[in-house]
Amino acid sequence: MDVRVGTVDEVRREGCRIVDVGGRRIGVISVGEEFFAINDKCPHMGASMCAGSLGGTMVASTPHEYVYGKDDRVIRCPWHGWEFDLETGRSLLEPKRSGLGVYRVTQEDGHVVLHA
């Protein structure tokens, strides 16, 4: 199912727009020139992920070296700080056990389109 979420400018201005698709709340998130779409419900206790914050995290590196990466590609739950990769939906702490559903998003004729 394809859903027009709004114009590119509207969604960028809001940062995150929540749409209901068949009873599922999906957050469409603007990051720079890109858009991501995730289930808006944290799998831990159900908080709205769009009420959370975007940031980065430490990424794999050599011993005793600390490298910050994935800037604005990690979303944090506003209630308990659970972190998820925006691109894959996987939990940073337990990637094999927990995650958010992710959906494809495109831009067509100046509009953001969610493919759910």
PDB file of N, CA and C in Angstrom:
ATOM      1  N   MET A   1       0.846  -1.178   0.000  1.00  0.00           N
ATOM      2  CA  MET A   1       0.000   0.000   0.000  1.00  0.00           C
ATOM      3  C   MET A   1       0.889   1.239   0.000  1.00  0.00           C
ATOM      4  N   ASP A   2       0.628   2.158  -0.910  1.00  0.00           N
ATOM      5  CA  ASP A   2       1.371   3.412  -0.985  1.00  0.00           C
ATOM      6  C   ASP A   2       0.535   4.526  -0.370  1.00  0.00           C
ATOM      7  N   VAL A   3       1.179   5.307   0.504  1.00  0.00           N
ATOM      8  CA  VAL A   3       0.492   6.389   1.205  1.00  0.00           C
ATOM      9  C   VAL A   3       1.274   7.682   1.006  1.00  0.00           C
ATOM     10  N   ARG A   4       0.619   8.700   0.482  1.00  0.00           N
ATOM     11  CA  ARG A   4       1.247  10.022   0.406  1.00  0.00           C
ATOM     12  C   ARG A   4       1.209  10.633   1.798  1.00  0.00           C
ATOM     13  N   VAL A   5       2.389  10.933   2.316  1.00  0.00           N
ATOM     14  CA  VAL A   5       2.522  11.414   3.690  1.00  0.00           C
ATOM     15  C   VAL A   5       2.365  12.925   3.763  1.00  0.00           C
ATOM     16  N   GLY A   6       2.791  13.623   2.745  1.00  0.00           N
ATOM     17  CA  GLY A   6       2.759  15.085   2.691  1.00  0.00           C
ATOM     18  C   GLY A   6       3.820  15.550   1.733  1.00  0.00           C
ATOM     19  N   THR A   7       3.944  16.853   1.596  1.00  0.00           N
ATOM     20  CA  THR A   7       4.989  17.357   0.715  1.00  0.00           C
ATOM     21  C   THR A   7       6.346  17.176   1.386  1.00  0.00           C
ATOM     22  N   VAL A   8       7.373  17.151   0.572  1.00  0.00           N
ATOM     23  CA  VAL A   8       8.742  17.018   1.084  1.00  0.00           C
ATOM     24  C   VAL A   8       9.025  18.135   2.081  1.00  0.00           C
ATOM     25  N   ASP A   9       8.655  19.362   1.749  1.00  0.00           N
ATOM     26  CA  ASP A   9       8.909  20.496   2.636  1.00  0.00           C
ATOM     27  C   ASP A   9       8.169  20.360   3.961  1.00  0.00           C
ATOM     28  N   GLU A  10       6.911  19.913   3.940  1.00  0.00           N
ATOM     29  CA  GLU A  10       6.134  19.756   5.174  1.00  0.00           C
ATOM     30  C   GLU A  10       6.772  18.731   6.102  1.00  0.00           C
ATOM     31  N   VAL A  11       7.133  17.581   5.553  1.00  0.00           N
ATOM     32  CA  VAL A  11       7.700  16.516   6.387  1.00  0.00           C
ATOM     33  C   VAL A  11       9.074  16.921   6.903  1.00  0.00           C
ATOM     34  N   ARG A  12       9.875  17.592   6.084  1.00  0.00           N
ATOM     35  CA  ARG A  12      11.185  18.074   6.556  1.00  0.00           C
ATOM     36  C   ARG A  12      11.018  19.080   7.690  1.00  0.00           C
ATOM     37  N   ARG A  13      10.055  19.973   7.553  1.00  0.00           N
ATOM     38  CA  ARG A  13       9.819  20.996   8.583  1.00  0.00           C
ATOM     39  C   ARG A  13       9.395  20.356   9.906  1.00  0.00           C
ATOM     40  N   GLU A  14       8.547  19.340   9.849  1.00  0.00           N
ATOM     41  CA  GLU A  14       8.066  18.679  11.063  1.00  0.00           C
ATOM     42  C   GLU A  14       9.116  17.748  11.665  1.00  0.00           C
ATOM     43  N   GLY A  15       9.986  17.177  10.839  1.00  0.00           N
ATOM     44  CA  GLY A  15      10.995  16.241  11.330  1.00  0.00           C
ATOM     45  C   GLY A  15      10.484  14.818  11.398  1.00  0.00           C
ATOM     46  N   CYS A  16       9.268  14.636  11.904  1.00  0.00           N
ATOM     47  CA  CYS A  16       8.645  13.322  11.970  1.00  0.00           C
ATOM     48  C   CYS A  16       7.140  13.496  11.830  1.00  0.00           C
ATOM     49  N   ARG A  17       6.567  12.739  10.933  1.00  0.00           N
ATOM     50  CA  ARG A  17       5.111  12.764  10.757  1.00  0.00           C
ATOM     51  C   ARG A  17       4.598  11.346  10.960  1.00  0.00           C
ATOM     52  N   ILE A  18       3.596  11.204  11.801  1.00  0.00           N
ATOM     53  CA  ILE A  18       3.010   9.895  12.081  1.00  0.00           C
ATOM     54  C   ILE A  18       1.786   9.698  11.200  1.00  0.00           C
ATOM     55  N   VAL A  19       1.731   8.540  10.562  1.00  0.00           N
ATOM     56  CA  VAL A  19       0.573   8.177   9.744  1.00  0.00           C
ATOM     57  C   VAL A  19       0.038   6.833  10.228  1.00  0.00           C
ATOM     58  N   ASP A  20      -1.273   6.656  10.083  1.00  0.00           N
ATOM     59  CA  ASP A  20      -1.909   5.396  10.449  1.00  0.00           C
ATOM     60  C   ASP A  20      -2.131   4.597   9.175  1.00  0.00           C
ATOM     61  N   VAL A  21      -1.582   3.403   9.154  1.00  0.00           N
ATOM     62  CA  VAL A  21      -1.736   2.529   7.989  1.00  0.00           C
ATOM     63  C   VAL A  21      -2.280   1.194   8.485  1.00  0.00           C
ATOM     64  N   GLY A  22      -3.550   0.973   8.239  1.00  0.00           N
ATOM     65  CA  GLY A  22      -4.164  -0.290   8.658  1.00  0.00           C
ATOM     66  C   GLY A  22      -4.071  -0.538  10.144  1.00  0.00           C
ATOM     67  N   GLY A  23      -4.194   0.512  10.948  1.00  0.00           N
ATOM     68  CA  GLY A  23      -4.118   0.369  12.401  1.00  0.00           C
ATOM     69  C   GLY A  23      -2.712   0.412  12.969  1.00  0.00           C
ATOM     70  N   ARG A  24      -1.704   0.541  12.110  1.00  0.00           N
ATOM     71  CA  ARG A  24      -0.310   0.653  12.578  1.00  0.00           C
ATOM     72  C   ARG A  24       0.110   2.106  12.497  1.00  0.00           C
ATOM     73  N   ARG A  25       0.730   2.592  13.587  1.00  0.00           N
ATOM     74  CA  ARG A  25       1.288   3.948  13.582  1.00  0.00           C
ATOM     75  C   ARG A  25       2.710   3.860  13.047  1.00  0.00           C
ATOM     76  N   ILE A  26       2.943   4.574  11.945  1.00  0.00           N
ATOM     77  CA  ILE A  26       4.258   4.575  11.310  1.00  0.00           C
ATOM     78  C   ILE A  26       4.791   5.999  11.319  1.00  0.00           C
ATOM     79  N   GLY A  27       6.008   6.155  11.797  1.00  0.00           N
ATOM     80  CA  GLY A  27       6.659   7.459  11.821  1.00  0.00           C
ATOM     81  C   GLY A  27       7.550   7.620  10.602  1.00  0.00           C
ATOM     82  N   VAL A  28       7.325   8.689   9.845  1.00  0.00           N
ATOM     83  CA  VAL A  28       8.172   9.008   8.704  1.00  0.00           C
ATOM     84  C   VAL A  28       9.086  10.139   9.158  1.00  0.00           C
ATOM     85  N   ILE A  29      10.383   9.878   9.139  1.00  0.00           N
ATOM     86  CA  ILE A  29      11.377  10.763   9.742  1.00  0.00           C
ATOM     87  C   ILE A  29      12.279  11.359   8.667  1.00  0.00           C
ATOM     88  N   SER A  30      12.473  12.664   8.746  1.00  0.00           N
ATOM     89  CA  SER A  30      13.336  13.387   7.820  1.00  0.00           C
ATOM     90  C   SER A  30      14.716  13.551   8.453  1.00  0.00           C
ATOM     91  N   VAL A  31      15.739  13.145   7.701  1.00  0.00           N
ATOM     92  CA  VAL A  31      17.132  13.324   8.125  1.00  0.00           C
ATOM     93  C   VAL A  31      17.899  13.848   6.922  1.00  0.00           C
ATOM     94  N   GLY A  32      18.216  15.126   6.942  1.00  0.00           N
ATOM     95  CA  GLY A  32      18.896  15.732   5.803  1.00  0.00           C
ATOM     96  C   GLY A  32      18.043  15.616   4.557  1.00  0.00           C
ATOM     97  N   GLU A  33      18.582  15.013   3.528  1.00  0.00           N
ATOM     98  CA  GLU A  33      17.858  14.827   2.269  1.00  0.00           C
ATOM     99  C   GLU A  33      17.090  13.510   2.231  1.00  0.00           C
ATOM    100  N   GLU A  34      17.242  12.676   3.258  1.00  0.00           N
ATOM    101  CA  GLU A  34      16.635  11.339   3.269  1.00  0.00           C
ATOM    102  C   GLU A  34      15.405  11.268   4.161  1.00  0.00           C
ATOM    103  N   PHE A  35      14.602  10.231   3.909  1.00  0.00           N
ATOM    104  CA  PHE A  35      13.449   9.937   4.750  1.00  0.00           C
ATOM    105  C   PHE A  35      13.515   8.468   5.151  1.00  0.00           C
ATOM    106  N   PHE A  36      13.138   8.201   6.392  1.00  0.00           N
ATOM    107  CA  PHE A  36      13.082   6.849   6.921  1.00  0.00           C
ATOM    108  C   PHE A  36      11.691   6.633   7.493  1.00  0.00           C
ATOM    109  N   ALA A  37      11.244   5.384   7.536  1.00  0.00           N
ATOM    110  CA  ALA A  37       9.946   5.076   8.130  1.00  0.00           C
ATOM    111  C   ALA A  37      10.089   3.872   9.051  1.00  0.00           C
ATOM    112  N   ILE A  38       9.554   4.025  10.276  1.00  0.00           N
ATOM    113  CA  ILE A  38       9.640   2.978  11.290  1.00  0.00           C
ATOM    114  C   ILE A  38       8.299   2.845  12.005  1.00  0.00           C
ATOM    115  N   ASN A  39       8.075   1.680  12.620  1.00  0.00           N
ATOM    116  CA  ASN A  39       6.930   1.570  13.519  1.00  0.00           C
ATOM    117  C   ASN A  39       7.130   2.601  14.620  1.00  0.00           C
ATOM    118  N   ASP A  40       6.073   3.302  14.970  1.00  0.00           N
ATOM    119  CA  ASP A  40       6.193   4.372  15.955  1.00  0.00           C
ATOM    120  C   ASP A  40       6.083   3.869  17.386  1.00  0.00           C
ATOM    121  N   LYS A  41       5.983   2.590  17.584  1.00  0.00           N
ATOM    122  CA  LYS A  41       5.795   2.024  18.928  1.00  0.00           C
ATOM    123  C   LYS A  41       7.056   1.285  19.367  1.00  0.00           C
ATOM    124  N   CYS A  42       7.667   1.764  20.464  1.00  0.00           N
ATOM    125  CA  CYS A  42       8.850   1.088  21.003  1.00  0.00           C
ATOM    126  C   CYS A  42       8.459  -0.319  21.463  1.00  0.00           C
ATOM    127  N   PRO A  43       9.238  -1.348  21.099  1.00  0.00           N
ATOM    128  CA  PRO A  43       8.888  -2.712  21.506  1.00  0.00           C
ATOM    129  C   PRO A  43       9.026  -2.961  23.007  1.00  0.00           C
ATOM    130  N   HIS A  44       9.683  -2.063  23.733  1.00  0.00           N
ATOM    131  CA  HIS A  44       9.865  -2.251  25.171  1.00  0.00           C
ATOM    132  C   HIS A  44       8.578  -1.972  25.933  1.00  0.00           C
ATOM    133  N   MET A  45       8.095  -0.723  25.885  1.00  0.00           N
ATOM    134  CA  MET A  45       6.903  -0.363  26.651  1.00  0.00           C
ATOM    135  C   MET A  45       5.891   0.459  25.845  1.00  0.00           C
ATOM    136  N   GLY A  46       6.108   0.585  24.536  1.00  0.00           N
ATOM    137  CA  GLY A  46       5.108   1.196  23.679  1.00  0.00           C
ATOM    138  C   GLY A  46       5.164   2.702  23.488  1.00  0.00           C
ATOM    139  N   ALA A  47       6.232   3.349  23.889  1.00  0.00           N
ATOM    140  CA  ALA A  47       6.339   4.809  23.707  1.00  0.00           C
ATOM    141  C   ALA A  47       6.393   5.159  22.228  1.00  0.00           C
ATOM    142  N   SER A  48       5.969   6.374  21.912  1.00  0.00           N
ATOM    143  CA  SER A  48       6.068   6.881  20.544  1.00  0.00           C
ATOM    144  C   SER A  48       7.532   7.174  20.226  1.00  0.00           C
ATOM    145  N   MET A  49       8.072   6.491  19.235  1.00  0.00           N
ATOM    146  CA  MET A  49       9.467   6.705  18.859  1.00  0.00           C
ATOM    147  C   MET A  49       9.679   8.092  18.264  1.00  0.00           C
ATOM    148  N   CYS A  50       8.641   8.657  17.647  1.00  0.00           N
ATOM    149  CA  CYS A  50       8.779  10.005  17.075  1.00  0.00           C
ATOM    150  C   CYS A  50       8.922  11.067  18.157  1.00  0.00           C
ATOM    151  N   ALA A  51       8.593  10.732  19.385  1.00  0.00           N
ATOM    152  CA  ALA A  51       8.804  11.663  20.493  1.00  0.00           C
ATOM    153  C   ALA A  51      10.229  11.556  21.035  1.00  0.00           C
ATOM    154  N   GLY A  52      10.998  10.610  20.501  1.00  0.00           N
ATOM    155  CA  GLY A  52      12.375  10.415  20.946  1.00  0.00           C
ATOM    156  C   GLY A  52      13.331  11.365  20.247  1.00  0.00           C
ATOM    157  N   SER A  53      14.607  11.069  20.356  1.00  0.00           N
ATOM    158  CA  SER A  53      15.627  11.941  19.777  1.00  0.00           C
ATOM    159  C   SER A  53      16.501  11.173  18.796  1.00  0.00           C
ATOM    160  N   LEU A  54      17.084  11.911  17.862  1.00  0.00           N
ATOM    161  CA  LEU A  54      18.030  11.338  16.910  1.00  0.00           C
ATOM    162  C   LEU A  54      19.449  11.658  17.345  1.00  0.00           C
ATOM    163  N   GLY A  55      20.343  10.755  17.088  1.00  0.00           N
ATOM    164  CA  GLY A  55      21.746  10.978  17.403  1.00  0.00           C
ATOM    165  C   GLY A  55      22.585   9.924  16.717  1.00  0.00           C
ATOM    166  N   GLY A  56      23.760   9.700  17.241  1.00  0.00           N
ATOM    167  CA  GLY A  56      24.668   8.689  16.708  1.00  0.00           C
ATOM    168  C   GLY A  56      25.084   7.748  17.816  1.00  0.00           C
ATOM    169  N   THR A  57      26.148   7.020  17.582  1.00  0.00           N
ATOM    170  CA  THR A  57      26.630   6.058  18.563  1.00  0.00           C
ATOM    171  C   THR A  57      28.106   5.756  18.289  1.00  0.00           C
ATOM    172  N   MET A  58      28.712   5.059  19.190  1.00  0.00           N
ATOM    173  CA  MET A  58      30.079   4.604  18.978  1.00  0.00           C
ATOM    174  C   MET A  58      30.024   3.419  18.015  1.00  0.00           C
ATOM    175  N   VAL A  59      30.959   3.388  17.057  1.00  0.00           N
ATOM    176  CA  VAL A  59      30.982   2.315  16.066  1.00  0.00           C
ATOM    177  C   VAL A  59      32.241   1.480  16.229  1.00  0.00           C
ATOM    178  N   ALA A  60      32.225   0.296  15.648  1.00  0.00           N
ATOM    179  CA  ALA A  60      33.352  -0.626  15.760  1.00  0.00           C
ATOM    180  C   ALA A  60      34.642   0.048  15.305  1.00  0.00           C
ATOM    181  N   SER A  61      35.684  -0.179  16.077  1.00  0.00           N
ATOM    182  CA  SER A  61      36.993   0.404  15.765  1.00  0.00           C
ATOM    183  C   SER A  61      38.072  -0.467  16.395  1.00  0.00           C
ATOM    184  N   THR A  62      39.307  -0.038  16.296  1.00  0.00           N
ATOM    185  CA  THR A  62      40.403  -0.803  16.878  1.00  0.00           C
ATOM    186  C   THR A  62      40.397  -0.633  18.396  1.00  0.00           C
ATOM    187  N   PRO A  63      41.038  -1.552  19.127  1.00  0.00           N
ATOM    188  CA  PRO A  63      41.079  -1.438  20.591  1.00  0.00           C
ATOM    189  C   PRO A  63      41.629  -0.084  21.042  1.00  0.00           C
ATOM    190  N   HIS A  64      41.031   0.466  22.073  1.00  0.00           N
ATOM    191  CA  HIS A  64      41.415   1.735  22.684  1.00  0.00           C
ATOM    192  C   HIS A  64      41.175   2.949  21.786  1.00  0.00           C
ATOM    193  N   GLU A  65      40.412   2.768  20.725  1.00  0.00           N
ATOM    194  CA  GLU A  65      40.061   3.870  19.841  1.00  0.00           C
ATOM    195  C   GLU A  65      38.541   4.029  19.896  1.00  0.00           C
ATOM    196  N   TYR A  66      38.085   5.242  20.050  1.00  0.00           N
ATOM    197  CA  TYR A  66      36.650   5.506  20.137  1.00  0.00           C
ATOM    198  C   TYR A  66      36.237   6.339  18.937  1.00  0.00           C
ATOM    199  N   VAL A  67      35.314   5.788  18.159  1.00  0.00           N
ATOM    200  CA  VAL A  67      34.881   6.439  16.932  1.00  0.00           C
ATOM    201  C   VAL A  67      33.367   6.626  16.992  1.00  0.00           C
ATOM    202  N   TYR A  68      32.948   7.884  16.870  1.00  0.00           N
ATOM    203  CA  TYR A  68      31.530   8.217  16.856  1.00  0.00           C
ATOM    204  C   TYR A  68      31.040   8.150  15.418  1.00  0.00           C
ATOM    205  N   GLY A  69      29.884   7.531  15.207  1.00  0.00           N
ATOM    206  CA  GLY A  69      29.361   7.418  13.851  1.00  0.00           C
ATOM    207  C   GLY A  69      27.850   7.285  13.840  1.00  0.00           C
ATOM    208  N   LYS A  70      27.307   7.002  12.654  1.00  0.00           N
ATOM    209  CA  LYS A  70      25.866   6.861  12.447  1.00  0.00           C
ATOM    210  C   LYS A  70      25.116   8.105  12.924  1.00  0.00           C
ATOM    211  N   ASP A  71      25.738   9.277  12.728  1.00  0.00           N
ATOM    212  CA  ASP A  71      25.133  10.524  13.169  1.00  0.00           C
ATOM    213  C   ASP A  71      23.742  10.698  12.560  1.00  0.00           C
ATOM    214  N   ASP A  72      22.769  10.979  13.402  1.00  0.00           N
ATOM    215  CA  ASP A  72      21.365  11.120  13.023  1.00  0.00           C
ATOM    216  C   ASP A  72      20.799   9.873  12.358  1.00  0.00           C
ATOM    217  N   ARG A  73      21.368   8.714  12.656  1.00  0.00           N
ATOM    218  CA  ARG A  73      20.866   7.443  12.139  1.00  0.00           C
ATOM    219  C   ARG A  73      20.424   6.519  13.281  1.00  0.00           C
ATOM    220  N   VAL A  74      20.445   7.057  14.501  1.00  0.00           N
ATOM    221  CA  VAL A  74      20.018   6.286  15.671  1.00  0.00           C
ATOM    222  C   VAL A  74      18.881   7.050  16.338  1.00  0.00           C
ATOM    223  N   ILE A  75      17.763   6.346  16.568  1.00  0.00           N
ATOM    224  CA  ILE A  75      16.636   6.968  17.260  1.00  0.00           C
ATOM    225  C   ILE A  75      16.534   6.361  18.653  1.00  0.00           C
ATOM    226  N   ARG A  76      16.308   7.244  19.652  1.00  0.00           N
ATOM    227  CA  ARG A  76      16.242   6.815  21.054  1.00  0.00           C
ATOM    228  C   ARG A  76      14.823   6.964  21.574  1.00  0.00           C
ATOM    229  N   CYS A  77      14.361   5.938  22.243  1.00  0.00           N
ATOM    230  CA  CYS A  77      13.033   5.969  22.853  1.00  0.00           C
ATOM    231  C   CYS A  77      13.009   7.051  23.937  1.00  0.00           C
ATOM    232  N   PRO A  78      11.944   7.855  23.984  1.00  0.00           N
ATOM    233  CA  PRO A  78      11.890   8.948  24.959  1.00  0.00           C
ATOM    234  C   PRO A  78      11.688   8.465  26.393  1.00  0.00           C
ATOM    235  N   TRP A  79      11.214   7.254  26.592  1.00  0.00           N
ATOM    236  CA  TRP A  79      10.940   6.787  27.956  1.00  0.00           C
ATOM    237  C   TRP A  79      12.161   6.153  28.623  1.00  0.00           C
ATOM    238  N   HIS A  80      12.816   5.226  27.965  1.00  0.00           N
ATOM    239  CA  HIS A  80      13.888   4.472  28.618  1.00  0.00           C
ATOM    240  C   HIS A  80      15.198   4.447  27.831  1.00  0.00           C
ATOM    241  N   GLY A  81      15.263   5.214  26.741  1.00  0.00           N
ATOM    242  CA  GLY A  81      16.522   5.357  26.015  1.00  0.00           C
ATOM    243  C   GLY A  81      16.913   4.198  25.117  1.00  0.00           C
ATOM    244  N   TRP A  82      16.002   3.264  24.864  1.00  0.00           N
ATOM    245  CA  TRP A  82      16.360   2.186  23.940  1.00  0.00           C
ATOM    246  C   TRP A  82      16.726   2.802  22.600  1.00  0.00           C
ATOM    247  N   GLU A  83      17.772   2.276  21.967  1.00  0.00           N
ATOM    248  CA  GLU A  83      18.275   2.841  20.727  1.00  0.00           C
ATOM    249  C   GLU A  83      18.104   1.866  19.559  1.00  0.00           C
ATOM    250  N   PHE A  84      17.707   2.444  18.409  1.00  0.00           N
ATOM    251  CA  PHE A  84      17.471   1.638  17.223  1.00  0.00           C
ATOM    252  C   PHE A  84      18.099   2.305  16.010  1.00  0.00           C
ATOM    253  N   ASP A  85      18.628   1.482  15.110  1.00  0.00           N
ATOM    254  CA  ASP A  85      19.196   1.951  13.852  1.00  0.00           C
ATOM    255  C   ASP A  85      18.040   2.327  12.922  1.00  0.00           C
ATOM    256  N   LEU A  86      18.016   3.565  12.450  1.00  0.00           N
ATOM    257  CA  LEU A  86      16.923   4.022  11.576  1.00  0.00           C
ATOM    258  C   LEU A  86      16.861   3.258  10.261  1.00  0.00           C
ATOM    259  N   GLU A  87      18.003   2.822   9.767  1.00  0.00           N
ATOM    260  CA  GLU A  87      18.030   2.163   8.464  1.00  0.00           C
ATOM    261  C   GLU A  87      17.544   0.725   8.531  1.00  0.00           C
ATOM    262  N   THR A  88      17.883   0.013   9.584  1.00  0.00           N
ATOM    263  CA  THR A  88      17.532  -1.411   9.690  1.00  0.00           C
ATOM    264  C   THR A  88      16.410  -1.676  10.687  1.00  0.00           C
ATOM    265  N   GLY A  89      16.198  -0.740  11.616  1.00  0.00           N
ATOM    266  CA  GLY A  89      15.216  -0.939  12.677  1.00  0.00           C
ATOM    267  C   GLY A  89      15.728  -1.770  13.837  1.00  0.00           C
ATOM    268  N   ARG A  90      16.907  -2.311  13.734  1.00  0.00           N
ATOM    269  CA  ARG A  90      17.449  -3.215  14.759  1.00  0.00           C
ATOM    270  C   ARG A  90      17.878  -2.450  16.010  1.00  0.00           C
ATOM    271  N   SER A  91      17.691  -3.076  17.149  1.00  0.00           N
ATOM    272  CA  SER A  91      18.149  -2.539  18.427  1.00  0.00           C
ATOM    273  C   SER A  91      19.672  -2.516  18.435  1.00  0.00           C
ATOM    274  N   LEU A  92      20.260  -1.450  18.978  1.00  0.00           N
ATOM    275  CA  LEU A  92      21.722  -1.406  19.078  1.00  0.00           C
ATOM    276  C   LEU A  92      22.219  -2.334  20.176  1.00  0.00           C
ATOM    277  N   LEU A  93      21.415  -2.543  21.212  1.00  0.00           N
ATOM    278  CA  LEU A  93      21.823  -3.391  22.329  1.00  0.00           C
ATOM    279  C   LEU A  93      21.623  -4.871  22.022  1.00  0.00           C
ATOM    280  N   GLU A  94      20.487  -5.225  21.471  1.00  0.00           N
ATOM    281  CA  GLU A  94      20.173  -6.625  21.181  1.00  0.00           C
ATOM    282  C   GLU A  94      19.640  -6.762  19.756  1.00  0.00           C
ATOM    283  N   PRO A  95      20.500  -6.619  18.750  1.00  0.00           N
ATOM    284  CA  PRO A  95      20.035  -6.593  17.367  1.00  0.00           C
ATOM    285  C   PRO A  95      19.352  -7.871  16.894  1.00  0.00           C
ATOM    286  N   LYS A  96      19.640  -8.994  17.512  1.00  0.00           N
ATOM    287  CA  LYS A  96      19.013 -10.247  17.085  1.00  0.00           C
ATOM    288  C   LYS A  96      17.683 -10.502  17.790  1.00  0.00           C
ATOM    289  N   ARG A  97      17.409  -9.755  18.851  1.00  0.00           N
ATOM    290  CA  ARG A  97      16.193 -10.000  19.635  1.00  0.00           C
ATOM    291  C   ARG A  97      15.121  -8.944  19.480  1.00  0.00           C
ATOM    292  N   SER A  98      15.501  -7.713  19.195  1.00  0.00           N
ATOM    293  CA  SER A  98      14.532  -6.626  19.249  1.00  0.00           C
ATOM    294  C   SER A  98      14.742  -5.653  18.100  1.00  0.00           C
ATOM    295  N   GLY A  99      13.641  -5.066  17.662  1.00  0.00           N
ATOM    296  CA  GLY A  99      13.761  -4.083  16.599  1.00  0.00           C
ATOM    297  C   GLY A  99      12.431  -3.435  16.273  1.00  0.00           C
ATOM    298  N   LEU A 100      12.498  -2.476  15.382  1.00  0.00           N
ATOM    299  CA  LEU A 100      11.329  -1.769  14.882  1.00  0.00           C
ATOM    300  C   LEU A 100      11.117  -2.181  13.430  1.00  0.00           C
ATOM    301  N   GLY A 101       9.867  -2.260  13.001  1.00  0.00           N
ATOM    302  CA  GLY A 101       9.602  -2.483  11.590  1.00  0.00           C
ATOM    303  C   GLY A 101      10.044  -1.273  10.809  1.00  0.00           C
ATOM    304  N   VAL A 102      10.627  -1.478   9.645  1.00  0.00           N
ATOM    305  CA  VAL A 102      11.035  -0.386   8.773  1.00  0.00           C
ATOM    306  C   VAL A 102      10.303  -0.505   7.445  1.00  0.00           C
ATOM    307  N   TYR A 103      10.129   0.620   6.781  1.00  0.00           N
ATOM    308  CA  TYR A 103       9.382   0.669   5.530  1.00  0.00           C
ATOM    309  C   TYR A 103      10.133   1.537   4.530  1.00  0.00           C
ATOM    310  N   ARG A 104       9.919   1.263   3.273  1.00  0.00           N
ATOM    311  CA  ARG A 104      10.557   2.039   2.206  1.00  0.00           C
ATOM    312  C   ARG A 104       9.813   3.360   2.022  1.00  0.00           C
ATOM    313  N   VAL A 105      10.573   4.418   1.777  1.00  0.00           N
ATOM    314  CA  VAL A 105      10.019   5.750   1.549  1.00  0.00           C
ATOM    315  C   VAL A 105      10.665   6.312   0.290  1.00  0.00           C
ATOM    316  N   THR A 106       9.844   6.921  -0.563  1.00  0.00           N
ATOM    317  CA  THR A 106      10.366   7.562  -1.765  1.00  0.00           C
ATOM    318  C   THR A 106       9.802   8.972  -1.866  1.00  0.00           C
ATOM    319  N   GLN A 107      10.363   9.724  -2.798  1.00  0.00           N
ATOM    320  CA  GLN A 107       9.854  11.062  -3.111  1.00  0.00           C
ATOM    321  C   GLN A 107       9.323  11.030  -4.541  1.00  0.00           C
ATOM    322  N   GLU A 108       8.081  11.484  -4.702  1.00  0.00           N
ATOM    323  CA  GLU A 108       7.461  11.496  -6.020  1.00  0.00           C
ATOM    324  C   GLU A 108       6.711  12.808  -6.207  1.00  0.00           C
ATOM    325  N   ASP A 109       7.080  13.545  -7.231  1.00  0.00           N
ATOM    326  CA  ASP A 109       6.409  14.803  -7.567  1.00  0.00           C
ATOM    327  C   ASP A 109       6.331  15.758  -6.373  1.00  0.00           C
ATOM    328  N   GLY A 110       7.413  15.850  -5.602  1.00  0.00           N
ATOM    329  CA  GLY A 110       7.453  16.772  -4.458  1.00  0.00           C
ATOM    330  C   GLY A 110       6.755  16.263  -3.217  1.00  0.00           C
ATOM    331  N   HIS A 111       6.305  15.004  -3.218  1.00  0.00           N
ATOM    332  CA  HIS A 111       5.633  14.411  -2.062  1.00  0.00           C
ATOM    333  C   HIS A 111       6.452  13.238  -1.516  1.00  0.00           C
ATOM    334  N   VAL A 112       6.281  12.991  -0.223  1.00  0.00           N
ATOM    335  CA  VAL A 112       6.895  11.849   0.430  1.00  0.00           C
ATOM    336  C   VAL A 112       5.870  10.715   0.365  1.00  0.00           C
ATOM    337  N   VAL A 113       6.315   9.558  -0.134  1.00  0.00           N
ATOM    338  CA  VAL A 113       5.415   8.406  -0.287  1.00  0.00           C
ATOM    339  C   VAL A 113       5.947   7.249   0.547  1.00  0.00           C
ATOM    340  N   LEU A 114       5.086   6.742   1.415  1.00  0.00           N
ATOM    341  CA  LEU A 114       5.393   5.599   2.263  1.00  0.00           C
ATOM    342  C   LEU A 114       4.875   4.348   1.577  1.00  0.00           C
ATOM    343  N   HIS A 115       5.733   3.341   1.459  1.00  0.00           N
ATOM    344  CA  HIS A 115       5.346   2.062   0.855  1.00  0.00           C
ATOM    345  C   HIS A 115       5.255   1.037   1.988  1.00  0.00           C
ATOM    346  N   ALA A 116       4.042   0.856   2.480  1.00  0.00           N
ATOM    347  CA  ALA A 116       3.829  -0.023   3.643  1.00  0.00           C
ATOM    348  C   ALA A 116       3.051  -1.264   3.264  1.00  0.00           C
TER     349      ALA A 116
END
